[in-house]
Protein backbone atom coordinates (compact mmCIF):
# COMPACT_ATOMS: atom_id res chain seq x y z
CA MET A 1 198.69 111.54 102.77
CA THR A 2 196.86 113.43 105.32
CA THR A 3 197.87 116.79 105.54
CA ARG A 4 196.77 119.37 108.24
CA LEU A 5 196.98 122.65 109.90
CA LEU A 6 199.96 122.10 111.76
CA GLY A 7 201.09 125.22 112.03
CA ARG A 8 198.49 126.36 114.89
CA ALA A 9 199.27 125.36 118.42
CA ARG A 10 195.71 125.36 119.97
CA ALA A 11 194.79 123.40 123.55
CA SER A 12 193.62 124.56 126.90
CA PHE A 13 195.79 126.39 129.09
CA GLY A 14 196.23 123.54 131.11
CA ALA A 15 197.70 121.58 128.00
CA ALA A 16 199.50 124.47 126.66
CA ILE A 17 201.44 124.44 129.75
CA VAL A 18 202.24 120.87 129.90
CA ALA A 19 203.21 120.51 126.13
CA ALA A 20 205.66 123.47 126.54
CA ALA A 21 206.98 121.98 130.24
CA VAL A 22 207.50 118.90 127.84
CA ALA A 23 209.61 120.75 125.21
CA LEU A 24 211.70 122.60 127.83
CA SER A 25 212.58 119.59 129.62
CA ALA A 26 213.81 117.86 126.62
CA CYS A 27 215.95 120.45 125.29
CA SER A 28 217.58 121.40 128.62
CA SER A 29 218.40 117.40 129.22
CA SER A 30 221.33 117.83 126.78
CA PRO A 31 225.31 118.32 128.70
CA PRO A 32 226.58 121.70 127.53
CA ALA A 33 228.92 121.56 124.25
CA THR A 34 231.54 124.35 122.78
CA THR A 35 231.74 123.68 118.98
CA SER A 36 234.07 125.73 116.63
CA ARG A 37 232.48 126.79 113.21
CA THR A 38 236.08 126.97 111.92
CA GLY A 39 237.75 123.26 111.76
CA PRO A 40 238.00 120.34 113.84
CA SER A 41 241.11 121.23 115.29
CA ALA A 42 239.58 123.58 118.00
CA ALA A 43 240.30 121.85 121.49
CA SER A 44 244.23 122.12 122.70
CA THR A 45 245.09 120.40 126.08
CA THR A 46 247.83 122.26 128.15
CA ALA A 47 249.64 120.19 130.83
CA GLY A 48 249.57 121.33 134.45
CA SER A 49 250.67 120.51 137.87
CA SER A 50 251.60 116.98 138.78
CA SER A 51 248.08 116.62 140.35
CA GLY A 52 246.27 117.05 136.89
CA SER A 53 246.35 118.93 133.51
CA VAL A 54 243.77 121.52 132.46
CA SER A 55 241.68 121.21 129.17
CA THR A 56 241.68 124.59 127.16
CA LEU A 57 238.76 125.11 124.54
CA THR A 58 239.91 127.61 121.78
CA ALA A 59 238.62 128.87 118.32
CA SER A 60 240.25 128.18 115.83
CA SER A 61 241.35 131.38 113.60
CA SER A 62 241.87 129.64 110.60
CA GLY A 63 238.72 129.02 108.07
CA SER A 64 237.16 131.60 105.55
CA TYR A 65 233.34 130.86 106.78
CA ASP A 66 232.55 134.61 108.22
CA PRO A 67 228.53 134.14 109.22
CA SER A 68 228.36 137.56 109.37
CA THR A 69 228.26 137.52 105.09
CA ASP A 70 225.88 134.16 105.40
CA PRO A 71 222.59 135.11 103.42
CA VAL A 72 220.44 133.23 105.60
CA VAL A 73 221.51 134.99 108.64
CA GLU A 74 221.61 138.60 106.79
CA ALA A 75 217.64 137.77 105.67
CA VAL A 76 216.75 136.77 108.90
CA LYS A 77 218.26 140.14 110.41
CA ARG A 78 216.01 141.89 108.18
CA VAL A 79 212.72 139.88 108.69
CA ALA A 80 213.05 138.63 112.33
CA PRO A 81 212.20 142.05 114.01
CA ALA A 82 208.98 142.25 111.70
CA VAL A 83 207.73 138.65 112.80
CA VAL A 84 205.10 138.47 115.56
CA ASN A 85 203.82 136.17 118.29
CA ILE A 86 199.93 136.42 118.09
CA THR A 87 197.74 134.14 120.64
CA THR A 88 194.30 134.05 121.06
CA GLN A 89 192.04 133.06 123.52
CA THR A 90 188.73 130.79 122.83
CA GLN A 91 185.44 130.20 123.99
CA SER A 92 183.51 126.69 123.38
CA VAL A 93 179.93 125.72 125.28
CA ASN A 94 179.33 122.01 125.84
CA ALA A 95 176.04 121.64 124.17
CA ILE A 96 174.94 118.41 125.70
CA PHE A 97 176.24 119.04 129.38
CA GLY A 98 175.91 122.90 129.37
CA GLY A 99 178.65 124.90 130.44
CA SER A 100 182.03 126.49 128.76
CA SER A 101 185.94 126.24 128.56
CA THR A 102 188.54 128.47 127.69
CA GLY A 103 191.17 127.41 125.02
CA LYS A 104 194.24 129.19 123.66
CA GLY A 105 195.87 129.34 120.23
CA VAL A 106 199.22 130.08 119.18
CA GLY A 107 200.50 131.10 115.88
CA THR A 108 202.73 133.98 114.13
CA GLY A 109 202.21 136.82 111.59
CA PHE A 110 204.11 139.22 109.88
CA VAL A 111 204.16 143.44 109.68
CA VAL A 112 203.39 144.53 105.83
CA ARG A 113 203.12 148.29 107.36
CA SER A 114 204.45 150.06 110.16
CA ASP A 115 200.97 151.73 111.45
CA GLY A 116 200.38 147.92 112.55
CA VAL A 117 198.87 145.57 109.75
CA ILE A 118 199.52 142.24 110.08
CA VAL A 119 199.06 139.43 107.71
CA THR A 120 198.55 135.90 108.97
CA ASN A 121 196.34 132.67 108.42
CA PHE A 122 192.93 132.85 108.88
CA HIS A 123 192.49 129.42 111.23
CA VAL A 124 194.92 130.83 113.52
CA VAL A 125 192.79 134.08 114.29
CA GLU A 126 189.44 131.90 113.71
CA GLY A 127 186.83 131.75 116.53
CA ALA A 128 188.85 134.06 118.63
CA VAL A 129 187.23 136.33 121.20
CA SER A 130 190.59 138.18 121.79
CA ILE A 131 193.53 138.36 120.25
CA THR A 132 196.72 139.43 121.19
CA VAL A 133 199.89 140.32 119.39
CA THR A 134 203.52 140.47 120.69
CA LEU A 135 206.62 141.82 119.20
CA PRO A 136 210.01 140.21 119.11
CA ALA A 137 212.67 140.95 121.50
CA PRO A 138 213.89 143.45 122.55
CA ASP A 139 210.64 145.17 122.16
CA ASN A 140 208.43 142.80 123.39
CA ARG A 141 205.38 145.29 123.00
CA THR A 142 201.97 143.89 123.14
CA PHE A 143 198.98 145.02 121.63
CA GLN A 144 195.52 143.64 121.05
CA ALA A 145 194.37 143.29 117.53
CA ARG A 146 191.14 142.79 115.46
CA VAL A 147 190.74 141.45 112.16
CA ILE A 148 190.64 144.08 109.37
CA GLY A 149 190.14 141.45 106.07
CA SER A 150 189.80 137.82 105.87
CA ASN A 151 189.25 135.09 103.35
CA SER A 152 188.67 131.74 104.87
CA GLU A 153 188.26 129.94 101.70
CA HIS A 154 192.23 131.05 100.94
CA ASP A 155 193.01 130.69 104.91
CA LEU A 156 194.29 134.42 105.08
CA ALA A 157 193.28 137.00 107.81
CA ILE A 158 194.63 140.52 107.95
CA LEU A 159 195.16 142.22 111.46
CA LYS A 160 195.15 145.94 112.70
CA VAL A 161 196.84 147.17 116.00
CA GLY A 162 197.06 150.34 117.55
CA ALA A 163 200.60 151.13 116.79
CA THR A 164 203.08 153.17 114.70
CA GLY A 165 206.57 153.06 113.70
CA LEU A 166 206.85 149.33 113.51
CA PRO A 167 209.29 147.41 111.74
CA THR A 168 207.93 145.69 108.57
CA VAL A 169 208.69 143.44 106.19
CA ALA A 170 208.50 143.13 102.13
CA LEU A 171 205.99 141.59 100.01
CA GLY A 172 208.57 139.51 97.33
CA SER A 173 207.07 137.68 94.09
CA SER A 174 206.33 133.66 94.34
CA SER A 175 205.86 133.86 90.43
CA SER A 176 209.55 134.39 89.79
CA LEU A 177 210.78 131.58 92.59
CA MET A 178 212.57 128.61 91.06
CA LEU A 179 212.60 125.06 91.80
CA GLY A 180 215.40 124.14 94.51
CA GLU A 181 215.68 127.88 95.56
CA ARG A 182 216.79 128.73 98.78
CA VAL A 183 214.16 129.96 101.28
CA ILE A 184 213.49 130.73 105.14
CA ALA A 185 210.53 129.94 107.22
CA LEU A 186 210.16 132.29 110.76
CA GLY A 187 207.45 131.69 113.09
CA TYR A 188 206.98 130.65 117.04
CA ALA A 189 207.12 127.08 116.82
CA LEU A 190 205.75 125.44 119.51
CA ALA A 191 204.87 128.43 121.47
CA LEU A 192 208.57 128.55 122.54
CA PRO A 193 209.86 131.51 124.47
CA GLY A 194 212.86 133.22 122.93
CA GLY A 195 211.37 134.84 120.20
CA PRO A 196 210.43 133.08 116.53
CA THR A 197 212.21 129.83 115.44
CA VAL A 198 213.96 130.04 112.22
CA THR A 199 214.49 126.93 109.82
CA SER A 200 215.58 127.04 106.14
CA GLY A 201 215.57 124.51 103.03
CA ILE A 202 214.58 124.70 99.59
CA VAL A 203 211.60 125.30 97.36
CA SER A 204 210.52 121.93 96.66
CA SER A 205 207.59 121.91 94.61
CA LEU A 206 205.94 124.65 92.93
CA ASP A 207 201.92 125.40 92.28
CA ARG A 208 200.54 122.18 94.76
CA THR A 209 196.84 121.93 94.89
CA ILE A 210 195.99 120.06 98.47
CA GLN A 211 193.47 119.63 100.31
CA VAL A 212 194.27 120.64 104.34
CA GLN A 213 192.33 118.94 107.23
CA ASP A 214 191.26 122.05 109.90
CA PRO A 215 189.89 119.99 113.02
CA GLU A 216 189.52 123.12 114.76
CA ALA A 217 186.59 124.01 112.50
CA GLY A 218 185.90 120.82 111.16
CA LEU A 219 186.01 121.20 107.61
CA THR A 220 188.80 120.72 104.60
CA ARG A 221 190.24 123.94 102.57
CA THR A 222 191.92 123.70 99.44
CA TYR A 223 195.16 125.39 98.73
CA GLN A 224 195.39 126.60 94.90
CA ASP A 225 199.29 127.28 93.89
CA ALA A 226 200.93 126.32 97.03
CA LEU A 227 204.43 126.27 97.52
CA GLN A 228 206.15 122.91 99.05
CA THR A 229 209.03 123.30 101.16
CA ASP A 230 211.41 121.24 103.23
CA ALA A 231 212.06 123.94 105.71
CA ALA A 232 210.32 122.78 109.05
CA ILE A 233 207.09 123.98 109.88
CA ASN A 234 205.71 122.89 113.22
CA PRO A 235 202.78 123.46 114.99
CA GLY A 236 203.17 127.30 115.96
CA ASN A 237 204.48 128.30 112.56
CA SER A 238 200.86 128.95 110.80
CA GLY A 239 200.72 132.62 109.41
CA GLY A 240 204.93 132.93 109.36
CA PRO A 241 206.41 134.25 106.29
CA LEU A 242 208.61 132.43 103.82
CA VAL A 243 210.91 134.53 102.79
CA ASP A 244 213.69 134.13 99.77
CA LEU A 245 217.23 135.31 100.64
CA ASN A 246 216.88 138.75 100.05
CA GLY A 247 213.79 138.74 102.92
CA ASN A 248 211.02 139.15 100.57
CA VAL A 249 207.65 137.15 101.85
CA VAL A 250 207.27 134.41 98.98
CA GLY A 251 204.75 132.43 100.97
CA ILE A 252 202.80 132.16 104.17
CA ASP A 253 203.60 129.01 106.60
CA SER A 254 200.55 127.28 106.78
CA ALA A 255 200.20 123.63 106.57
CA GLY A 256 202.69 120.24 106.96
CA THR A 257 201.66 116.84 107.02
CA GLU A 258 202.14 114.09 109.74
CA SER A 259 202.85 111.01 107.65
CA ALA A 260 206.06 112.42 106.32
CA GLN A 261 209.25 114.43 107.06
CA ASN A 262 210.52 117.12 105.52
CA ILE A 263 207.08 118.39 103.80
CA GLY A 264 205.71 121.75 104.41
CA PHE A 265 203.40 123.91 102.35
CA ALA A 266 202.97 127.65 102.45
CA ILE A 267 200.30 129.99 100.42
CA ALA A 268 201.89 131.58 97.62
CA ILE A 269 202.59 135.26 98.20
CA ASP A 270 200.89 136.31 94.63
CA ALA A 271 197.52 134.29 95.92
CA ALA A 272 197.57 136.40 98.90
CA ARG A 273 198.57 140.10 97.72
CA SER A 274 195.15 141.32 96.93
CA ALA A 275 193.16 140.25 99.75
CA ILE A 276 196.19 142.13 101.86
CA GLU A 277 195.89 145.11 99.38
CA GLN A 278 192.03 145.18 99.96
CA ALA A 279 191.96 145.53 103.30
CA ILE A 280 194.30 147.95 104.04
CA LEU A 281 192.07 150.16 101.43
CA HIS A 282 188.96 149.29 102.50
CA PRO A 283 189.20 147.88 106.39
CA LYS A 284 186.35 146.26 107.77
CA ALA A 285 184.86 148.61 110.19
CA ALA A 286 185.08 147.83 113.85
CA SER A 287 182.02 146.25 114.89
CA ALA A 288 180.50 146.37 118.65
CA TYR A 289 181.60 143.40 120.80
CA LEU A 290 179.67 142.32 124.13
CA GLY A 291 181.35 139.12 124.95
CA VAL A 292 178.70 136.56 125.48
CA THR A 293 177.46 133.53 124.42
CA THR A 294 173.62 133.07 124.85
CA GLU A 295 170.67 130.43 123.80
CA THR A 296 167.50 131.09 123.48
CA VAL A 297 165.32 130.66 126.23
CA THR A 298 162.30 128.14 125.28
CA PRO A 299 160.08 126.65 127.67
CA GLY A 300 161.84 123.07 127.38
CA LEU A 301 165.41 125.31 128.39
CA ALA A 302 163.68 127.20 131.26
CA SER A 303 162.36 124.02 132.57
CA GLN A 304 165.43 122.57 132.35
CA PHE A 305 167.48 125.48 134.07
CA GLY A 306 164.94 126.25 136.40
CA LEU A 307 164.57 129.91 134.93
CA THR A 308 162.14 132.54 135.82
CA ALA A 309 162.10 134.04 132.51
CA THR A 310 160.02 132.64 130.02
CA ARG A 311 161.74 135.22 127.02
CA GLY A 312 165.37 136.30 126.45
CA ALA A 313 168.58 134.99 126.02
CA LEU A 314 170.51 132.96 128.45
CA VAL A 315 173.77 133.52 129.05
CA VAL A 316 175.88 130.23 128.73
CA ALA A 317 179.46 131.43 128.61
CA VAL A 318 181.22 134.88 129.58
CA SER A 319 184.47 135.58 128.08
CA ALA A 320 187.14 136.37 130.36
CA GLY A 321 187.64 140.30 130.42
CA ALA A 322 185.01 141.32 127.79
CA PRO A 323 182.80 144.09 128.15
CA ALA A 324 179.94 141.73 129.55
CA ASP A 325 182.76 140.43 132.01
CA LYS A 326 183.89 143.63 133.35
CA ALA A 327 179.99 144.86 134.02
CA GLY A 328 179.27 142.01 135.99
CA ILE A 329 177.18 139.71 133.80
CA VAL A 330 177.74 136.32 134.66
CA GLU A 331 176.82 132.35 132.88
CA GLY A 332 173.13 131.82 133.86
CA ASP A 333 171.90 135.31 133.48
CA VAL A 334 169.13 135.60 131.18
CA ILE A 335 169.62 139.11 129.01
CA VAL A 336 165.90 140.18 128.81
CA ARG A 337 166.34 143.64 127.22
CA PHE A 338 169.13 145.24 125.74
CA ASP A 339 169.29 149.27 125.27
CA GLY A 340 165.43 149.42 126.03
CA THR A 341 164.62 146.65 124.02
CA ALA A 342 162.95 143.51 124.69
CA VAL A 343 165.30 140.52 123.75
CA THR A 344 163.42 137.73 122.68
CA SER A 345 166.05 135.37 120.90
CA SER A 346 169.66 135.28 120.89
CA ASP A 347 169.78 136.15 117.59
CA GLY A 348 167.53 138.99 118.35
CA LEU A 349 170.24 140.08 120.76
CA GLY A 350 173.01 139.62 118.26
CA THR A 351 170.85 142.51 115.91
CA LEU A 352 170.84 144.60 118.58
CA ILE A 353 174.34 144.71 119.55
CA GLY A 354 174.84 145.41 115.79
CA LYS A 355 173.37 148.68 115.31
CA HIS A 356 175.66 149.90 117.82
CA LYS A 357 179.48 150.85 117.71
CA PRO A 358 182.26 150.54 119.87
CA GLY A 359 182.25 152.60 122.67
CA ASP A 360 178.67 152.76 123.18
CA ARG A 361 177.13 152.70 126.49
CA VAL A 362 173.79 150.76 126.98
CA ALA A 363 171.69 149.68 129.86
CA VAL A 364 171.24 145.73 129.64
CA VAL A 365 168.24 144.27 131.75
CA VAL A 366 169.29 140.64 133.52
CA ALA A 367 166.71 138.42 134.89
CA THR A 368 169.12 136.48 137.43
CA SER A 369 168.76 132.65 138.78
CA ASN A 370 166.96 134.08 142.10
CA GLY A 371 164.17 136.14 140.17
CA ARG A 372 165.00 138.96 140.31
CA GLN A 373 165.78 141.33 137.28
CA ARG A 374 168.97 144.35 137.60
CA THR A 375 170.20 146.70 135.11
CA ILE A 376 173.76 147.20 134.30
CA THR A 377 175.26 149.78 132.21
CA VAL A 378 177.94 148.17 129.45
CA THR A 379 180.59 149.68 127.35
CA LEU A 380 180.59 147.53 124.40
CA GLY A 381 183.99 146.73 122.79
CA THR A 382 185.15 146.07 119.58
CA ARG A 383 184.76 142.48 117.94
CA PRO A 384 188.55 140.95 117.63
CA GLY A 385 187.71 138.25 115.42
CA PRO A 386 186.42 137.29 112.05
């Protein structure tokens, strides 16, 4: 059985739009229907004039089911306001043909502190050049986020946004779960608009050890003590909460399988708790960010691209909206000096950037494709990804 990180809906912008359109078209093709929650005898027909009759559908007053007291409904009401949509932008470079392409990822997270601490999967934000968090309706506010703690091996990332007074969800205990216990998964499945999708099921197995393929990163992760559930976990669900009927998070939705139905996996919350607490107590310091992908200028590279500069860092990609983009640095520029220091390699540029703080203003000297040099003042940003 092949287990994959189905929770991440990641594709190019165009592909994401097409996929969403197909999904929405399929949903809207069904004819409207009226149903009754309280019994089969909900429809009555009233005789009309001689020209025909009028059919009236009315809700039955019989039955004892009250949805407002349903434990699933009550748990969802408590948890849903704290379940957030996470979208990322990624930048990839074609090593063979050159040029760059922009991709988009969609996942889920949940707020654990009202001052903006959010838990999600590492693979949701992996390689991101920007991370955007959107609160569910009716709030709908959007924030830029950064990673303050992560563990790639255990597929865990903790984010921080600049907000206060956010709704939160409580962390429960996965060690107290029982086989067959009812659980609920919430997440932004298939990147569908309109808020998180809710599915419910049971705990199908405890303490699974599974190997999960991450095609985006080209690696396989091993989940230990994973929870198995038959609650549907679809692309976009990754990083969302798996909660018990008291509304406490017992797992982090992470993976599914393409070869079987009703089999999904979540990271047990007890396995993630220490990393979450560590990130809250000792958040990773914000690091400076320029927003370029570069290659070291070599004689071969200079000849290939017709560069006049013989040393420096060739800009092969610029992240949209990043500090470099805002300042006017473009693909094909060669960065030859950074804050007064000569740039001799791509790694050297990274080291120079790392010596600064977000918000610093630095002078960047670039050699343009026409052989001229120009000095650009850049205000460094905050690196969003891990």
